[in-house]
């Protein structure tokens, strides 16, 4: 792949990354592959002592190259590294937050990448787990706004939300007061979105049955 093509691809992906926070892991793997190919062509591939890519060293080498050459490819590549590094760090924080039920790490990830709606649904579910209904509703509303503005696949959105809610330990035993109502209202909403948006008849039928079950449990909240 020649330099002009790589430059165009990197620039295009970096621009997309700045506005599409909900890109898949496959997208970032593709960008990293082009990044590494470009680095090899320019002899700027820098690794740490364990052979892993070292962003700090790469940035230093790239900046030195940029100062001497003013190469637009370097500018694009440095931008790509910044985007990728932020995504990687934020994803790690969010995953640790999900596994350890750690609100602080989730909040750090959201601060780093406020446009990732999947972070928001996970944070909303954790807030419900801790009985913080106000924060939960704020996060769910933020996720909804991002999804609407970004034209995100509603089936993906609904399934992610359902998964996050069902990840709450003992979620099936939530049956009292405001937490119960908030939980089943949100679950009902996601099931309704899934039922309306799914194209597979069986999936639509399952979503309808799940919606009816959530509605029944909502009415039973004490």
N, C-alpha and C. Protein backbone atom coordinates (compact mmCIF):
# COMPACT_ATOMS: atom_id res chain seq x y z
N UNK A 1 0.86 -1.19 0.00
CA UNK A 1 0.00 0.00 0.00
C UNK A 1 0.89 1.24 0.00
N UNK A 2 0.70 2.18 -0.96
CA UNK A 2 1.60 3.33 -1.02
C UNK A 2 1.23 4.39 0.00
N UNK A 3 2.18 5.36 0.18
CA UNK A 3 2.01 6.36 1.23
C UNK A 3 0.76 7.20 1.06
N UNK A 4 0.43 7.56 -0.19
CA UNK A 4 -0.73 8.43 -0.41
C UNK A 4 -2.01 7.75 0.03
N UNK A 5 -2.12 6.45 -0.27
CA UNK A 5 -3.33 5.72 0.11
C UNK A 5 -3.42 5.59 1.62
N UNK A 6 -2.27 5.24 2.25
CA UNK A 6 -2.26 5.12 3.71
C UNK A 6 -2.63 6.43 4.36
N UNK A 7 -2.07 7.54 3.85
CA UNK A 7 -2.38 8.84 4.42
C UNK A 7 -3.88 9.13 4.34
N UNK A 8 -4.47 8.86 3.20
CA UNK A 8 -5.90 9.11 3.03
C UNK A 8 -6.72 8.28 3.98
N UNK A 9 -6.34 7.01 4.12
CA UNK A 9 -7.09 6.13 5.02
C UNK A 9 -6.96 6.58 6.46
N UNK A 10 -5.73 6.91 6.89
CA UNK A 10 -5.53 7.34 8.27
C UNK A 10 -6.29 8.61 8.56
N UNK A 11 -6.16 9.60 7.66
CA UNK A 11 -6.86 10.87 7.87
C UNK A 11 -8.36 10.65 7.95
N UNK A 12 -8.88 9.84 7.03
CA UNK A 12 -10.32 9.58 7.03
C UNK A 12 -10.78 8.91 8.30
N UNK A 13 -10.03 7.93 8.78
CA UNK A 13 -10.42 7.24 10.00
C UNK A 13 -10.29 8.10 11.23
N UNK A 14 -9.25 8.92 11.27
CA UNK A 14 -9.10 9.82 12.41
C UNK A 14 -10.26 10.81 12.47
N UNK A 15 -10.65 11.34 11.31
CA UNK A 15 -11.79 12.26 11.27
C UNK A 15 -13.05 11.54 11.73
N UNK A 16 -13.24 10.30 11.27
CA UNK A 16 -14.42 9.55 11.68
C UNK A 16 -14.39 9.27 13.17
N UNK A 17 -13.23 8.93 13.68
CA UNK A 17 -13.10 8.60 15.10
C UNK A 17 -13.46 9.78 15.99
N UNK A 18 -13.26 10.98 15.50
CA UNK A 18 -13.54 12.16 16.30
C UNK A 18 -15.03 12.38 16.51
N UNK A 19 -15.85 11.77 15.65
CA UNK A 19 -17.30 11.99 15.77
C UNK A 19 -18.07 10.69 16.03
N UNK A 20 -17.48 9.55 15.74
CA UNK A 20 -18.19 8.30 15.92
C UNK A 20 -17.61 7.54 17.10
N UNK A 21 -18.07 7.89 18.29
CA UNK A 21 -17.52 7.28 19.50
C UNK A 21 -17.95 5.83 19.65
N UNK A 22 -18.99 5.41 18.94
CA UNK A 22 -19.49 4.06 19.12
C UNK A 22 -18.94 3.06 18.13
N UNK A 23 -17.79 3.33 17.51
CA UNK A 23 -17.20 2.42 16.55
C UNK A 23 -16.87 1.08 17.21
N UNK A 24 -16.85 0.03 16.40
CA UNK A 24 -16.59 -1.30 16.94
C UNK A 24 -15.11 -1.54 17.13
N UNK A 25 -14.79 -2.60 17.90
CA UNK A 25 -13.40 -2.96 18.12
C UNK A 25 -12.72 -3.31 16.80
N UNK A 26 -13.46 -3.88 15.85
CA UNK A 26 -12.90 -4.24 14.56
C UNK A 26 -12.39 -3.00 13.83
N UNK A 27 -13.13 -1.88 13.94
CA UNK A 27 -12.70 -0.63 13.31
C UNK A 27 -11.36 -0.18 13.85
N UNK A 28 -11.20 -0.25 15.18
CA UNK A 28 -9.95 0.21 15.78
C UNK A 28 -8.80 -0.73 15.45
N UNK A 29 -9.07 -2.02 15.32
CA UNK A 29 -8.02 -2.96 14.93
C UNK A 29 -7.54 -2.66 13.51
N UNK A 30 -8.48 -2.31 12.64
CA UNK A 30 -8.11 -1.96 11.27
C UNK A 30 -7.24 -0.72 11.24
N UNK A 31 -7.63 0.29 12.03
CA UNK A 31 -6.84 1.52 12.10
C UNK A 31 -5.45 1.25 12.65
N UNK A 32 -5.37 0.41 13.67
CA UNK A 32 -4.05 0.09 14.24
C UNK A 32 -3.18 -0.63 13.21
N UNK A 33 -3.79 -1.49 12.38
CA UNK A 33 -3.01 -2.17 11.35
C UNK A 33 -2.41 -1.21 10.35
N UNK A 34 -3.22 -0.24 9.92
CA UNK A 34 -2.70 0.78 8.99
C UNK A 34 -1.65 1.64 9.68
N UNK A 35 -1.86 1.92 10.95
CA UNK A 35 -0.88 2.70 11.70
C UNK A 35 0.47 2.00 11.70
N UNK A 36 0.47 0.69 12.02
CA UNK A 36 1.72 -0.05 12.12
C UNK A 36 2.41 -0.14 10.76
N UNK A 37 1.62 -0.32 9.71
CA UNK A 37 2.21 -0.39 8.36
C UNK A 37 2.87 0.92 8.01
N UNK A 38 2.21 2.01 8.34
CA UNK A 38 2.78 3.33 8.05
C UNK A 38 4.06 3.55 8.85
N UNK A 39 4.06 3.16 10.12
CA UNK A 39 5.24 3.33 10.95
C UNK A 39 6.43 2.56 10.40
N UNK A 40 6.18 1.34 9.92
CA UNK A 40 7.27 0.54 9.38
C UNK A 40 7.85 1.20 8.13
N UNK A 41 7.00 1.74 7.26
CA UNK A 41 7.47 2.38 6.04
C UNK A 41 8.35 3.59 6.34
N UNK A 42 8.07 4.27 7.46
CA UNK A 42 8.81 5.48 7.81
C UNK A 42 9.87 5.23 8.90
N UNK A 43 10.10 3.94 9.20
CA UNK A 43 11.11 3.58 10.20
C UNK A 43 10.86 4.28 11.54
N UNK A 44 9.61 4.41 11.93
CA UNK A 44 9.26 5.09 13.17
C UNK A 44 8.57 4.15 14.16
N UNK A 45 8.59 2.88 13.87
CA UNK A 45 7.95 1.93 14.79
C UNK A 45 8.78 1.85 16.07
N UNK A 46 8.18 2.15 17.20
CA UNK A 46 8.89 2.16 18.47
C UNK A 46 8.14 1.27 19.45
N UNK A 47 8.90 0.38 20.12
CA UNK A 47 8.29 -0.52 21.08
C UNK A 47 8.98 -0.38 22.42
N UNK A 48 8.32 -0.89 23.45
CA UNK A 48 8.92 -0.86 24.77
C UNK A 48 9.82 -2.09 24.95
N UNK A 49 10.31 -2.29 26.16
CA UNK A 49 11.24 -3.39 26.41
C UNK A 49 10.60 -4.76 26.23
N UNK A 50 9.27 -4.82 26.31
CA UNK A 50 8.57 -6.08 26.11
C UNK A 50 8.12 -6.28 24.66
N UNK A 51 8.50 -5.35 23.80
CA UNK A 51 8.12 -5.47 22.40
C UNK A 51 6.74 -4.94 22.08
N UNK A 52 6.09 -4.29 23.06
CA UNK A 52 4.77 -3.72 22.84
C UNK A 52 4.90 -2.29 22.34
N UNK A 53 3.93 -1.86 21.54
CA UNK A 53 3.96 -0.51 21.01
C UNK A 53 3.92 0.50 22.15
N UNK A 54 4.83 1.47 22.11
CA UNK A 54 4.96 2.49 23.14
C UNK A 54 4.55 3.83 22.55
N UNK A 55 3.38 4.32 22.94
CA UNK A 55 2.86 5.56 22.36
C UNK A 55 3.80 6.73 22.61
N UNK A 56 4.30 6.85 23.84
CA UNK A 56 5.16 7.99 24.17
C UNK A 56 6.40 8.04 23.30
N UNK A 57 7.06 6.90 23.13
CA UNK A 57 8.27 6.87 22.31
C UNK A 57 7.94 7.14 20.84
N UNK A 58 6.83 6.59 20.40
CA UNK A 58 6.44 6.80 19.01
C UNK A 58 6.12 8.27 18.75
N UNK A 59 5.43 8.90 19.70
CA UNK A 59 5.12 10.32 19.55
C UNK A 59 6.39 11.14 19.49
N UNK A 60 7.37 10.81 20.36
CA UNK A 60 8.63 11.54 20.34
C UNK A 60 9.34 11.41 19.01
N UNK A 61 9.39 10.18 18.49
CA UNK A 61 10.03 9.97 17.20
C UNK A 61 9.27 10.69 16.10
N UNK A 62 7.95 10.62 16.17
CA UNK A 62 7.14 11.27 15.14
C UNK A 62 7.28 12.78 15.16
N UNK A 63 7.35 13.35 16.36
CA UNK A 63 7.49 14.81 16.47
C UNK A 63 8.83 15.25 15.90
N UNK A 64 9.90 14.51 16.20
CA UNK A 64 11.21 14.84 15.64
C UNK A 64 11.19 14.79 14.12
N UNK A 65 10.50 13.78 13.60
CA UNK A 65 10.39 13.64 12.15
C UNK A 65 9.57 14.80 11.58
N UNK A 66 8.50 15.15 12.29
CA UNK A 66 7.63 16.22 11.82
C UNK A 66 8.37 17.55 11.79
N UNK A 67 9.17 17.83 12.82
CA UNK A 67 9.91 19.09 12.87
C UNK A 67 10.87 19.21 11.70
N UNK A 68 11.50 18.10 11.34
CA UNK A 68 12.49 18.14 10.29
C UNK A 68 11.89 18.07 8.90
N UNK A 69 10.73 17.38 8.76
CA UNK A 69 10.19 17.13 7.42
C UNK A 69 8.88 17.86 7.13
N UNK A 70 8.12 18.21 8.18
CA UNK A 70 6.78 18.79 8.01
C UNK A 70 5.94 17.88 7.11
N UNK A 71 6.01 16.61 7.36
CA UNK A 71 5.32 15.61 6.55
C UNK A 71 3.87 15.51 6.99
N UNK A 72 2.91 15.75 6.10
CA UNK A 72 1.50 15.67 6.49
C UNK A 72 1.10 14.26 6.92
N UNK A 73 1.81 13.24 6.43
CA UNK A 73 1.51 11.88 6.86
C UNK A 73 1.80 11.72 8.35
N UNK A 74 2.88 12.35 8.81
CA UNK A 74 3.23 12.27 10.23
C UNK A 74 2.15 12.94 11.06
N UNK A 75 1.67 14.09 10.61
CA UNK A 75 0.62 14.78 11.35
C UNK A 75 -0.62 13.89 11.49
N UNK A 76 -0.98 13.22 10.38
CA UNK A 76 -2.14 12.33 10.42
C UNK A 76 -1.90 11.16 11.35
N UNK A 77 -0.69 10.59 11.28
CA UNK A 77 -0.38 9.43 12.11
C UNK A 77 -0.38 9.79 13.59
N UNK A 78 0.21 10.95 13.94
CA UNK A 78 0.23 11.37 15.33
C UNK A 78 -1.19 11.56 15.85
N UNK A 79 -2.06 12.12 15.01
CA UNK A 79 -3.46 12.25 15.41
C UNK A 79 -4.09 10.90 15.64
N UNK A 80 -3.75 9.93 14.78
CA UNK A 80 -4.30 8.58 14.93
C UNK A 80 -3.85 7.96 16.24
N UNK A 81 -2.58 8.15 16.61
CA UNK A 81 -2.08 7.57 17.85
C UNK A 81 -2.81 8.15 19.06
N UNK A 82 -3.06 9.45 19.02
CA UNK A 82 -3.75 10.10 20.13
C UNK A 82 -5.15 9.54 20.29
N UNK A 83 -5.85 9.38 19.18
CA UNK A 83 -7.21 8.84 19.22
C UNK A 83 -7.19 7.41 19.74
N UNK A 84 -6.32 6.60 19.19
CA UNK A 84 -6.27 5.19 19.58
C UNK A 84 -5.90 5.03 21.04
N UNK A 85 -4.91 5.80 21.49
CA UNK A 85 -4.48 5.69 22.88
C UNK A 85 -5.61 6.06 23.82
N UNK A 86 -6.36 7.10 23.49
CA UNK A 86 -7.48 7.52 24.34
C UNK A 86 -8.56 6.45 24.38
N UNK A 87 -8.82 5.84 23.24
CA UNK A 87 -9.82 4.77 23.18
C UNK A 87 -9.38 3.58 24.03
N UNK A 88 -8.13 3.18 23.85
CA UNK A 88 -7.63 2.02 24.60
C UNK A 88 -7.68 2.25 26.10
N UNK A 89 -7.21 3.42 26.54
CA UNK A 89 -7.20 3.72 27.96
C UNK A 89 -8.62 3.78 28.52
N UNK A 90 -9.51 4.38 27.76
CA UNK A 90 -10.89 4.53 28.21
C UNK A 90 -11.60 3.18 28.25
N UNK A 91 -11.39 2.36 27.22
CA UNK A 91 -12.00 1.04 27.21
C UNK A 91 -11.52 0.19 28.39
N UNK A 92 -10.23 0.31 28.71
CA UNK A 92 -9.69 -0.44 29.85
C UNK A 92 -10.34 0.01 31.15
N UNK A 93 -10.48 1.32 31.32
CA UNK A 93 -11.13 1.85 32.52
C UNK A 93 -12.57 1.35 32.62
N UNK A 94 -13.28 1.42 31.50
CA UNK A 94 -14.68 1.01 31.52
C UNK A 94 -14.81 -0.48 31.81
N UNK A 95 -13.94 -1.29 31.22
CA UNK A 95 -14.02 -2.73 31.45
C UNK A 95 -13.72 -3.06 32.91
N UNK A 96 -12.74 -2.37 33.48
CA UNK A 96 -12.44 -2.57 34.91
C UNK A 96 -13.63 -2.12 35.76
N UNK A 97 -14.26 -1.03 35.36
CA UNK A 97 -15.43 -0.55 36.09
C UNK A 97 -16.57 -1.55 36.04
N UNK A 98 -16.78 -2.16 34.87
CA UNK A 98 -17.85 -3.15 34.73
C UNK A 98 -17.56 -4.39 35.58
N UNK A 99 -16.33 -4.86 35.53
CA UNK A 99 -15.99 -6.09 36.24
C UNK A 99 -15.99 -5.90 37.75
N UNK A 100 -15.52 -4.75 38.19
CA UNK A 100 -15.38 -4.50 39.63
C UNK A 100 -16.50 -3.68 40.22
N UNK A 101 -17.51 -3.34 39.41
CA UNK A 101 -18.63 -2.51 39.85
C UNK A 101 -18.09 -1.21 40.45
N UNK A 102 -17.21 -0.58 39.69
CA UNK A 102 -16.47 0.60 40.15
C UNK A 102 -16.97 1.84 39.41
N UNK A 103 -17.79 2.64 40.09
CA UNK A 103 -18.38 3.83 39.47
C UNK A 103 -17.32 4.86 39.11
N UNK A 104 -16.28 4.99 39.93
CA UNK A 104 -15.25 6.00 39.68
C UNK A 104 -14.52 5.74 38.37
N UNK A 105 -14.17 4.50 38.11
CA UNK A 105 -13.48 4.19 36.86
C UNK A 105 -14.40 4.39 35.66
N UNK A 106 -15.66 4.04 35.81
CA UNK A 106 -16.62 4.29 34.73
C UNK A 106 -16.73 5.78 34.43
N UNK A 107 -16.78 6.58 35.48
CA UNK A 107 -16.89 8.03 35.30
C UNK A 107 -15.65 8.60 34.61
N UNK A 108 -14.48 8.05 34.94
CA UNK A 108 -13.25 8.49 34.27
C UNK A 108 -13.31 8.17 32.78
N UNK A 109 -13.78 6.98 32.45
CA UNK A 109 -13.90 6.58 31.05
C UNK A 109 -14.87 7.50 30.31
N UNK A 110 -15.98 7.82 30.94
CA UNK A 110 -16.97 8.70 30.33
C UNK A 110 -16.40 10.10 30.12
N UNK A 111 -15.62 10.58 31.08
CA UNK A 111 -14.98 11.90 30.93
C UNK A 111 -14.05 11.89 29.73
N UNK A 112 -13.32 10.78 29.54
CA UNK A 112 -12.40 10.68 28.41
C UNK A 112 -13.13 10.57 27.08
N UNK A 113 -14.24 9.86 27.10
CA UNK A 113 -14.98 9.62 25.85
C UNK A 113 -16.48 9.81 26.11
N UNK A 114 -16.91 11.04 26.23
CA UNK A 114 -18.31 11.30 26.58
C UNK A 114 -19.30 10.89 25.50
N UNK A 115 -18.83 10.66 24.30
CA UNK A 115 -19.75 10.31 23.22
C UNK A 115 -19.96 8.82 23.03
N UNK A 116 -19.39 7.98 23.89
CA UNK A 116 -19.59 6.54 23.76
C UNK A 116 -20.84 6.14 24.54
N UNK A 117 -21.89 5.83 23.83
CA UNK A 117 -23.17 5.55 24.48
C UNK A 117 -23.14 4.24 25.27
N UNK A 118 -22.28 3.29 24.87
CA UNK A 118 -22.22 2.02 25.60
C UNK A 118 -21.68 2.24 27.02
N UNK A 119 -20.80 3.22 27.17
CA UNK A 119 -20.33 3.56 28.52
C UNK A 119 -21.50 4.04 29.37
N UNK A 120 -22.36 4.81 28.73
CA UNK A 120 -23.48 5.42 29.47
C UNK A 120 -24.50 4.38 29.95
N UNK A 121 -24.81 3.40 29.10
CA UNK A 121 -25.79 2.40 29.53
C UNK A 121 -25.22 1.55 30.67
N UNK A 122 -23.92 1.26 30.59
CA UNK A 122 -23.29 0.49 31.67
C UNK A 122 -23.28 1.29 32.97
N UNK A 123 -22.97 2.58 32.86
CA UNK A 123 -22.94 3.43 34.06
C UNK A 123 -24.33 3.58 34.65
N UNK A 124 -25.34 3.69 33.78
CA UNK A 124 -26.71 3.80 34.27
C UNK A 124 -27.14 2.57 35.04
N UNK A 125 -26.76 1.40 34.52
CA UNK A 125 -27.11 0.15 35.20
C UNK A 125 -26.43 0.07 36.56
N UNK A 126 -25.16 0.49 36.62
CA UNK A 126 -24.46 0.45 37.91
C UNK A 126 -25.10 1.41 38.90
N UNK A 127 -25.52 2.56 38.43
CA UNK A 127 -26.19 3.51 39.32
C UNK A 127 -27.48 2.91 39.88
N UNK A 128 -28.22 2.19 39.04
CA UNK A 128 -29.43 1.53 39.54
C UNK A 128 -29.08 0.49 40.60
N UNK A 129 -27.99 -0.23 40.34
CA UNK A 129 -27.56 -1.25 41.32
C UNK A 129 -27.31 -0.63 42.68
N UNK A 130 -26.77 0.60 42.68
CA UNK A 130 -26.45 1.28 43.94
C UNK A 130 -27.61 2.14 44.45
N UNK A 131 -28.75 2.08 43.75
CA UNK A 131 -29.91 2.83 44.19
C UNK A 131 -29.89 4.30 43.85
N UNK A 132 -28.96 4.72 42.98
CA UNK A 132 -28.84 6.12 42.58
C UNK A 132 -29.66 6.33 41.31
N UNK A 133 -30.95 6.51 41.49
CA UNK A 133 -31.87 6.55 40.36
C UNK A 133 -31.66 7.80 39.50
N UNK A 134 -31.34 8.92 40.13
CA UNK A 134 -31.14 10.16 39.38
C UNK A 134 -29.97 10.02 38.40
N UNK A 135 -28.84 9.50 38.87
CA UNK A 135 -27.70 9.30 37.98
C UNK A 135 -28.03 8.30 36.89
N UNK A 136 -28.75 7.24 37.25
CA UNK A 136 -29.13 6.23 36.27
C UNK A 136 -29.94 6.86 35.14
N UNK A 137 -30.93 7.64 35.50
CA UNK A 137 -31.79 8.25 34.49
C UNK A 137 -31.02 9.24 33.62
N UNK A 138 -30.08 9.96 34.23
CA UNK A 138 -29.25 10.90 33.46
C UNK A 138 -28.40 10.16 32.45
N UNK A 139 -27.81 9.05 32.86
CA UNK A 139 -26.95 8.29 31.95
C UNK A 139 -27.77 7.62 30.84
N UNK A 140 -28.91 7.09 31.19
CA UNK A 140 -29.76 6.47 30.16
C UNK A 140 -30.22 7.51 29.14
N UNK A 141 -30.57 8.70 29.62
CA UNK A 141 -31.01 9.77 28.72
C UNK A 141 -29.86 10.22 27.82
N UNK A 142 -28.65 10.30 28.39
CA UNK A 142 -27.49 10.70 27.59
C UNK A 142 -27.22 9.66 26.50
N UNK A 143 -27.31 8.38 26.86
CA UNK A 143 -27.10 7.32 25.86
C UNK A 143 -28.13 7.41 24.75
N UNK A 144 -29.37 7.64 25.13
CA UNK A 144 -30.45 7.76 24.14
C UNK A 144 -30.18 8.90 23.17
N UNK A 145 -29.74 10.04 23.69
CA UNK A 145 -29.46 11.20 22.83
C UNK A 145 -28.33 10.91 21.87
N UNK A 146 -27.28 10.27 22.35
CA UNK A 146 -26.14 9.94 21.49
C UNK A 146 -26.56 8.98 20.39
N UNK A 147 -27.36 7.99 20.75
CA UNK A 147 -27.82 7.01 19.77
C UNK A 147 -28.68 7.67 18.70
N UNK A 148 -29.57 8.56 19.12
CA UNK A 148 -30.43 9.25 18.16
C UNK A 148 -29.62 10.14 17.22
N UNK A 149 -28.69 10.88 17.77
CA UNK A 149 -27.88 11.80 16.97
C UNK A 149 -26.93 11.05 16.04
N UNK A 150 -26.44 9.91 16.49
CA UNK A 150 -25.48 9.17 15.69
C UNK A 150 -26.09 8.13 14.79
N UNK A 151 -27.41 8.02 14.80
CA UNK A 151 -28.11 7.04 13.96
C UNK A 151 -27.58 5.63 14.21
N UNK A 152 -27.42 5.29 15.49
CA UNK A 152 -26.92 3.98 15.89
C UNK A 152 -28.00 2.92 15.68
N UNK A 153 -27.58 1.72 15.33
CA UNK A 153 -28.51 0.60 15.14
C UNK A 153 -29.32 0.39 16.42
N UNK A 154 -30.64 0.54 16.36
CA UNK A 154 -31.45 0.42 17.58
C UNK A 154 -31.44 -0.98 18.19
N UNK A 155 -31.23 -2.01 17.35
CA UNK A 155 -31.16 -3.37 17.88
C UNK A 155 -29.90 -3.52 18.73
N UNK A 156 -28.80 -3.00 18.24
CA UNK A 156 -27.55 -3.01 19.01
C UNK A 156 -27.74 -2.26 20.32
N UNK A 157 -28.35 -1.10 20.21
CA UNK A 157 -28.59 -0.26 21.40
C UNK A 157 -29.44 -0.98 22.43
N UNK A 158 -30.54 -1.57 21.98
CA UNK A 158 -31.46 -2.25 22.90
C UNK A 158 -30.80 -3.46 23.55
N UNK A 159 -30.10 -4.25 22.76
CA UNK A 159 -29.45 -5.44 23.31
C UNK A 159 -28.36 -5.07 24.33
N UNK A 160 -27.62 -3.99 24.03
CA UNK A 160 -26.59 -3.54 24.98
C UNK A 160 -27.24 -3.10 26.29
N UNK A 161 -28.32 -2.33 26.19
CA UNK A 161 -29.01 -1.87 27.39
C UNK A 161 -29.56 -3.02 28.22
N UNK A 162 -30.16 -3.99 27.55
CA UNK A 162 -30.71 -5.15 28.25
C UNK A 162 -29.58 -5.92 28.95
N UNK A 163 -28.49 -6.12 28.24
CA UNK A 163 -27.35 -6.84 28.81
C UNK A 163 -26.80 -6.12 30.04
N UNK A 164 -26.71 -4.79 29.96
CA UNK A 164 -26.20 -4.03 31.10
C UNK A 164 -27.13 -4.15 32.31
N UNK A 165 -28.42 -4.06 32.07
CA UNK A 165 -29.36 -4.18 33.19
C UNK A 165 -29.32 -5.58 33.80
N UNK A 166 -29.23 -6.58 32.96
CA UNK A 166 -29.23 -7.95 33.45
C UNK A 166 -27.91 -8.33 34.11
N UNK A 167 -26.89 -7.49 33.92
CA UNK A 167 -25.59 -7.75 34.57
C UNK A 167 -25.61 -7.37 36.05
N UNK A 168 -26.65 -6.65 36.48
CA UNK A 168 -26.75 -6.28 37.89
C UNK A 168 -26.93 -7.53 38.72
N UNK A 169 -26.04 -7.77 39.68
CA UNK A 169 -26.19 -8.97 40.52
C UNK A 169 -27.54 -8.99 41.22
N UNK A 170 -28.24 -10.11 41.10
CA UNK A 170 -29.54 -10.25 41.76
C UNK A 170 -30.62 -9.37 41.16
N UNK A 171 -30.45 -8.98 39.88
CA UNK A 171 -31.42 -8.07 39.25
C UNK A 171 -32.83 -8.63 39.28
N UNK A 172 -32.94 -9.96 39.17
CA UNK A 172 -34.27 -10.56 39.13
C UNK A 172 -35.00 -10.44 40.47
N UNK A 173 -34.28 -10.03 41.52
CA UNK A 173 -34.91 -9.91 42.83
C UNK A 173 -35.22 -8.46 43.20
N UNK A 174 -35.01 -7.53 42.27
CA UNK A 174 -35.36 -6.14 42.53
C UNK A 174 -36.89 -6.03 42.50
N UNK A 175 -37.49 -5.78 43.62
CA UNK A 175 -38.96 -5.80 43.65
C UNK A 175 -39.56 -4.75 44.58
N UNK A 176 -38.75 -3.75 44.96
CA UNK A 176 -39.26 -2.82 45.97
C UNK A 176 -39.03 -1.37 45.56
N UNK A 177 -40.08 -0.57 45.65
CA UNK A 177 -40.01 0.88 45.55
C UNK A 177 -39.47 1.44 44.25
N UNK A 178 -38.86 2.63 44.37
CA UNK A 178 -38.38 3.35 43.20
C UNK A 178 -37.34 2.58 42.39
N UNK A 179 -36.38 1.88 43.02
CA UNK A 179 -35.43 1.10 42.23
C UNK A 179 -36.10 0.05 41.35
N UNK A 180 -37.13 -0.59 41.89
CA UNK A 180 -37.86 -1.59 41.13
C UNK A 180 -38.55 -0.95 39.93
N UNK A 181 -39.21 0.16 40.16
CA UNK A 181 -39.91 0.83 39.05
C UNK A 181 -38.93 1.32 38.00
N UNK A 182 -37.83 1.92 38.44
CA UNK A 182 -36.84 2.43 37.48
C UNK A 182 -36.24 1.31 36.65
N UNK A 183 -35.95 0.20 37.31
CA UNK A 183 -35.35 -0.95 36.61
C UNK A 183 -36.28 -1.49 35.54
N UNK A 184 -37.52 -1.76 35.90
CA UNK A 184 -38.43 -2.40 34.95
C UNK A 184 -38.96 -1.42 33.91
N UNK A 185 -39.01 -0.16 34.23
CA UNK A 185 -39.37 0.83 33.21
C UNK A 185 -38.29 0.87 32.11
N UNK A 186 -37.02 0.89 32.54
CA UNK A 186 -35.94 0.93 31.57
C UNK A 186 -35.85 -0.38 30.78
N UNK A 187 -36.01 -1.50 31.47
CA UNK A 187 -35.99 -2.78 30.78
C UNK A 187 -37.13 -2.89 29.79
N UNK A 188 -38.31 -2.43 30.18
CA UNK A 188 -39.46 -2.44 29.26
C UNK A 188 -39.18 -1.59 28.03
N UNK A 189 -38.53 -0.45 28.25
CA UNK A 189 -38.22 0.43 27.12
C UNK A 189 -37.29 -0.26 26.13
N UNK A 190 -36.24 -0.88 26.62
CA UNK A 190 -35.31 -1.55 25.72
C UNK A 190 -35.99 -2.70 24.98
N UNK A 191 -36.84 -3.45 25.68
CA UNK A 191 -37.54 -4.55 25.02
C UNK A 191 -38.49 -4.02 23.94
N UNK A 192 -39.10 -2.87 24.20
CA UNK A 192 -39.99 -2.28 23.20
C UNK A 192 -39.20 -1.83 21.97
N UNK A 193 -38.04 -1.22 22.19
CA UNK A 193 -37.19 -0.82 21.07
C UNK A 193 -36.78 -2.04 20.26
N UNK A 194 -36.41 -3.11 20.94
CA UNK A 194 -35.99 -4.33 20.25
C UNK A 194 -37.15 -4.93 19.47
N UNK A 195 -38.31 -4.96 20.07
CA UNK A 195 -39.47 -5.53 19.39
C UNK A 195 -39.82 -4.73 18.13
N UNK A 196 -39.72 -3.43 18.21
CA UNK A 196 -40.06 -2.57 17.07
C UNK A 196 -39.01 -2.60 15.97
N UNK A 197 -37.76 -2.83 16.34
CA UNK A 197 -36.66 -2.67 15.38
C UNK A 197 -36.13 -3.98 14.82
N UNK A 198 -36.32 -5.08 15.52
CA UNK A 198 -35.79 -6.36 15.06
C UNK A 198 -36.47 -6.78 13.75
N UNK A 199 -35.73 -7.40 12.89
CA UNK A 199 -36.28 -7.87 11.61
C UNK A 199 -36.60 -9.36 11.64
N UNK A 200 -35.96 -10.08 12.53
CA UNK A 200 -36.21 -11.52 12.64
C UNK A 200 -37.50 -11.74 13.44
N UNK A 201 -38.47 -12.48 12.88
CA UNK A 201 -39.75 -12.69 13.57
C UNK A 201 -39.61 -13.33 14.95
N UNK A 202 -38.70 -14.27 15.07
CA UNK A 202 -38.51 -14.92 16.37
C UNK A 202 -37.95 -13.95 17.40
N UNK A 203 -37.02 -13.11 16.95
CA UNK A 203 -36.47 -12.12 17.87
C UNK A 203 -37.54 -11.13 18.30
N UNK A 204 -38.39 -10.73 17.36
CA UNK A 204 -39.48 -9.81 17.70
C UNK A 204 -40.42 -10.45 18.70
N UNK A 205 -40.71 -11.73 18.50
CA UNK A 205 -41.62 -12.43 19.40
C UNK A 205 -41.01 -12.55 20.80
N UNK A 206 -39.73 -12.86 20.86
CA UNK A 206 -39.06 -12.95 22.17
C UNK A 206 -39.07 -11.60 22.88
N UNK A 207 -38.83 -10.54 22.11
CA UNK A 207 -38.81 -9.21 22.70
C UNK A 207 -40.20 -8.83 23.23
N UNK A 208 -41.24 -9.20 22.49
CA UNK A 208 -42.60 -8.90 22.94
C UNK A 208 -42.92 -9.65 24.23
N UNK A 209 -42.53 -10.91 24.29
CA UNK A 209 -42.78 -11.69 25.50
C UNK A 209 -42.00 -11.12 26.68
N UNK A 210 -40.76 -10.70 26.42
CA UNK A 210 -39.93 -10.11 27.48
C UNK A 210 -40.51 -8.78 27.94
N UNK A 211 -41.04 -8.00 26.98
CA UNK A 211 -41.66 -6.72 27.33
C UNK A 211 -42.88 -6.95 28.23
N UNK A 212 -43.70 -7.93 27.88
CA UNK A 212 -44.88 -8.23 28.68
C UNK A 212 -44.48 -8.68 30.08
N UNK A 213 -43.40 -9.46 30.18
CA UNK A 213 -42.94 -9.91 31.49
C UNK A 213 -42.44 -8.74 32.32
N UNK A 214 -41.69 -7.83 31.68
CA UNK A 214 -41.18 -6.65 32.40
C UNK A 214 -42.33 -5.76 32.86
N UNK A 215 -43.35 -5.63 32.03
CA UNK A 215 -44.51 -4.82 32.40
C UNK A 215 -45.25 -5.43 33.59
N UNK A 216 -45.36 -6.74 33.59
CA UNK A 216 -46.04 -7.41 34.69
C UNK A 216 -45.27 -7.22 36.00
N UNK A 217 -43.95 -7.32 35.92
CA UNK A 217 -43.14 -7.13 37.13
C UNK A 217 -43.14 -5.68 37.59
N UNK A 218 -43.25 -4.75 36.63
CA UNK A 218 -43.34 -3.34 36.98
C UNK A 218 -44.59 -3.09 37.83
N UNK A 219 -45.69 -3.71 37.44
CA UNK A 219 -46.93 -3.53 38.19
C UNK A 219 -46.87 -4.14 39.58
N UNK A 220 -45.97 -5.11 39.75
CA UNK A 220 -45.85 -5.79 41.04
C UNK A 220 -44.86 -5.12 41.99
N UNK A 221 -44.19 -4.06 41.51
CA UNK A 221 -43.23 -3.38 42.38
C UNK A 221 -43.93 -2.90 43.66
N UNK A 222 -43.38 -3.20 44.80
CA UNK A 222 -44.04 -2.87 46.07
C UNK A 222 -43.87 -1.40 46.43
